[in-house]
């Protein structure tokens, strides 16, 4: 192939490659389009889920189903027993306080600035330890868990009906371990 022909062919191929992403980005496919959202410190959907004080900052409709973002603010002694998610990965980032977390059989204490990654399919649980409330940012990938939390938040007050809790969590493929 002659040099001129090679350059012309290469330039045309590179140009076509550049057009496809532009076309995809300008597509009217609503799933690909997300709107920016600012959530102030005091904003979000506040709820209590079986003692877990949550402030849901972003949900699936905000992130095109990619993730849910929840701020948790709980007293020492509060915890969630070991459980397994079949569909979601979770990231716990401690903002203040102290969190004891067990992932895959290994227990660690996290303090402000520490992060724990809990992959789907791996048992994990946590407990707030220390002397102060723990503020934790929980990121869940993909989104959808906020629907389960909403159902759990609407259970009657008082001691939880563990059979009902298990049924709700089971619909979202979350299993508590004995």
Protein backbone atom coordinates (compact mmCIF):
# COMPACT_ATOMS: atom_id res chain seq x y z
CA UNK A 1 0.00 0.00 0.00
CA UNK A 2 1.34 3.40 -0.87
CA UNK A 3 2.01 5.93 1.84
CA UNK A 4 -0.69 8.42 0.70
CA UNK A 5 -3.32 5.70 0.44
CA UNK A 6 -2.32 4.31 3.86
CA UNK A 7 -2.59 7.74 5.51
CA UNK A 8 -5.94 8.46 3.87
CA UNK A 9 -7.34 5.07 4.93
CA UNK A 10 -5.98 5.42 8.47
CA UNK A 11 -7.34 8.95 8.86
CA UNK A 12 -10.76 7.85 7.67
CA UNK A 13 -10.79 4.92 10.13
CA UNK A 14 -9.73 7.13 13.03
CA UNK A 15 -12.41 9.65 12.08
CA UNK A 16 -15.11 6.97 12.08
CA UNK A 17 -13.96 5.74 15.49
CA UNK A 18 -14.24 9.28 16.84
CA UNK A 19 -17.76 9.75 15.46
CA UNK A 20 -19.26 6.65 17.13
CA UNK A 21 -18.64 7.80 20.74
CA UNK A 22 -19.95 11.27 19.85
CA UNK A 23 -23.06 9.71 18.36
CA UNK A 24 -23.54 7.53 21.47
CA UNK A 25 -23.07 10.49 23.80
CA UNK A 26 -25.64 12.56 21.95
CA UNK A 27 -28.14 9.69 21.76
CA UNK A 28 -31.64 10.30 23.05
CA UNK A 29 -31.42 7.05 25.02
CA UNK A 30 -32.78 8.23 28.39
CA UNK A 31 -30.89 5.53 30.29
CA UNK A 32 -27.60 7.10 29.20
CA UNK A 33 -28.61 10.59 30.34
CA UNK A 34 -28.30 11.56 33.99
CA UNK A 35 -28.98 14.91 35.53
CA UNK A 36 -26.56 16.48 37.99
CA UNK A 37 -27.78 16.56 41.57
CA UNK A 38 -26.49 18.41 44.61
CA UNK A 39 -27.47 17.04 48.00
CA UNK A 40 -26.71 19.27 50.96
CA UNK A 41 -25.62 17.91 54.33
CA UNK A 42 -29.10 18.19 55.84
CA UNK A 43 -30.91 16.90 52.75
CA UNK A 44 -31.91 13.39 51.75
CA UNK A 45 -34.57 10.87 52.70
CA UNK A 46 -34.24 10.20 56.41
CA UNK A 47 -35.60 6.95 57.80
CA UNK A 48 -35.00 4.39 60.50
CA UNK A 49 -34.56 0.81 59.33
CA UNK A 50 -34.64 -1.58 62.27
CA UNK A 51 -32.69 0.91 64.39
CA UNK A 52 -30.37 2.02 61.55
CA UNK A 53 -30.66 5.80 61.20
CA UNK A 54 -30.26 6.40 57.46
CA UNK A 55 -30.21 9.43 55.26
CA UNK A 56 -30.49 8.25 51.67
CA UNK A 57 -28.59 10.75 49.53
CA UNK A 58 -28.76 9.17 46.04
CA UNK A 59 -30.96 6.40 44.66
CA UNK A 60 -31.10 4.42 41.45
CA UNK A 61 -33.22 7.00 39.62
CA UNK A 62 -30.48 9.58 40.35
CA UNK A 63 -27.61 7.34 39.18
CA UNK A 64 -29.15 5.41 36.29
CA UNK A 65 -29.21 2.33 38.50
CA UNK A 66 -25.46 2.38 39.05
CA UNK A 67 -25.41 2.90 42.82
CA UNK A 68 -27.19 4.02 45.98
CA UNK A 69 -25.54 6.34 48.52
CA UNK A 70 -26.67 6.26 52.16
CA UNK A 71 -25.33 8.14 55.16
CA UNK A 72 -25.71 6.16 58.40
CA UNK A 73 -25.47 7.77 61.84
CA UNK A 74 -25.71 5.30 64.71
CA UNK A 75 -25.06 4.95 68.44
CA UNK A 76 -22.38 2.67 69.88
CA UNK A 77 -23.75 -0.85 70.16
CA UNK A 78 -25.85 -0.68 67.00
CA UNK A 79 -25.03 -3.34 64.45
CA UNK A 80 -26.22 -5.50 61.57
CA UNK A 81 -25.56 -9.24 61.95
CA UNK A 82 -23.67 -11.25 59.34
CA UNK A 83 -25.50 -11.48 56.02
CA UNK A 84 -24.83 -12.04 52.33
CA UNK A 85 -25.89 -9.96 49.32
CA UNK A 86 -26.24 -11.89 46.08
CA UNK A 87 -26.61 -8.77 43.89
CA UNK A 88 -24.75 -5.87 45.50
CA UNK A 89 -21.25 -4.85 46.45
CA UNK A 90 -20.97 -2.44 49.38
CA UNK A 91 -18.37 0.13 50.40
CA UNK A 92 -18.40 1.46 53.98
CA UNK A 93 -16.48 4.71 54.55
CA UNK A 94 -16.23 5.81 58.17
CA UNK A 95 -16.57 9.59 58.47
CA UNK A 96 -16.63 9.83 62.29
CA UNK A 97 -16.63 7.33 65.12
CA UNK A 98 -15.61 3.71 65.04
CA UNK A 99 -17.00 0.66 63.24
CA UNK A 100 -16.11 -2.96 63.79
CA UNK A 101 -16.70 -4.81 60.53
CA UNK A 102 -16.41 -8.47 59.69
CA UNK A 103 -15.95 -9.39 56.03
CA UNK A 104 -15.32 -12.96 54.92
CA UNK A 105 -14.52 -14.07 58.47
CA UNK A 106 -11.96 -11.32 59.17
CA UNK A 107 -12.85 -8.64 61.75
CA UNK A 108 -11.31 -5.15 61.68
CA UNK A 109 -11.95 -1.87 63.45
CA UNK A 110 -12.37 1.15 61.19
CA UNK A 111 -12.04 4.78 62.23
CA UNK A 112 -12.52 8.10 60.41
CA UNK A 113 -11.11 7.87 56.90
CA UNK A 114 -11.06 4.06 56.75
CA UNK A 115 -12.94 2.12 54.07
CA UNK A 116 -14.15 -1.48 53.83
CA UNK A 117 -15.19 -3.18 50.57
CA UNK A 118 -17.74 -5.97 50.94
CA UNK A 119 -18.12 -7.86 47.64
CA UNK A 120 -21.38 -9.59 46.81
CA UNK A 121 -21.52 -13.21 47.89
CA UNK A 122 -19.15 -12.65 50.85
CA UNK A 123 -20.66 -12.71 54.39
CA UNK A 124 -20.29 -9.44 56.28
CA UNK A 125 -21.73 -7.57 59.25
CA UNK A 126 -20.85 -4.58 61.41
CA UNK A 127 -21.21 -2.99 64.83
CA UNK A 128 -20.63 0.58 66.02
CA UNK A 129 -17.99 0.51 68.76
CA UNK A 130 -16.18 3.13 70.79
CA UNK A 131 -17.66 6.03 72.75
CA UNK A 132 -19.25 8.16 70.01
CA UNK A 133 -21.83 7.79 67.28
CA UNK A 134 -20.45 6.56 63.99
CA UNK A 135 -21.20 8.42 60.78
CA UNK A 136 -20.67 6.11 57.82
CA UNK A 137 -21.20 6.66 54.11
CA UNK A 138 -22.49 3.46 52.54
CA UNK A 139 -22.22 3.06 48.77
CA UNK A 140 -24.11 0.13 47.24
CA UNK A 141 -23.46 -1.09 43.68
CA UNK A 142 -25.77 -1.43 41.75
CA UNK A 143 -28.74 0.46 43.16
CA UNK A 144 -32.01 -1.07 44.23
CA UNK A 145 -31.37 -1.80 47.89
CA UNK A 146 -33.11 1.47 48.76
CA UNK A 147 -36.41 -0.24 47.88
CA UNK A 148 -35.76 -2.96 50.45
CA UNK A 149 -34.81 -0.36 53.08
CA UNK A 150 -38.03 1.54 52.32
CA UNK A 151 -40.08 -1.63 52.90
CA UNK A 152 -38.25 -2.36 56.15
CA UNK A 153 -38.68 1.25 57.34
CA UNK A 154 -42.46 0.86 56.98
CA UNK A 155 -42.70 -2.15 59.30
CA UNK A 156 -44.64 -1.46 62.53
CA UNK A 157 -42.64 -0.03 65.44
CA UNK A 158 -41.42 -2.32 68.19
CA UNK A 159 -39.49 -5.56 68.10
CA UNK A 160 -39.11 -6.65 64.49
CA UNK A 161 -41.07 -9.59 63.10
CA UNK A 162 -38.00 -11.56 62.02
CA UNK A 163 -40.05 -13.76 59.71
CA UNK A 164 -41.35 -10.69 57.87
CA UNK A 165 -37.86 -9.13 57.80
CA UNK A 166 -36.44 -12.36 56.36
CA UNK A 167 -39.17 -12.46 53.71
CA UNK A 168 -38.53 -8.84 52.63
CA UNK A 169 -34.75 -9.30 52.54
CA UNK A 170 -35.13 -12.61 50.71
CA UNK A 171 -37.00 -10.88 47.87
CA UNK A 172 -33.86 -8.75 47.40
CA UNK A 173 -31.61 -11.84 47.65
CA UNK A 174 -30.12 -10.89 50.99
CA UNK A 175 -29.75 -13.71 53.50
CA UNK A 176 -28.93 -13.38 57.19
CA UNK A 177 -26.62 -16.05 58.59
CA UNK A 178 -27.39 -17.91 61.80
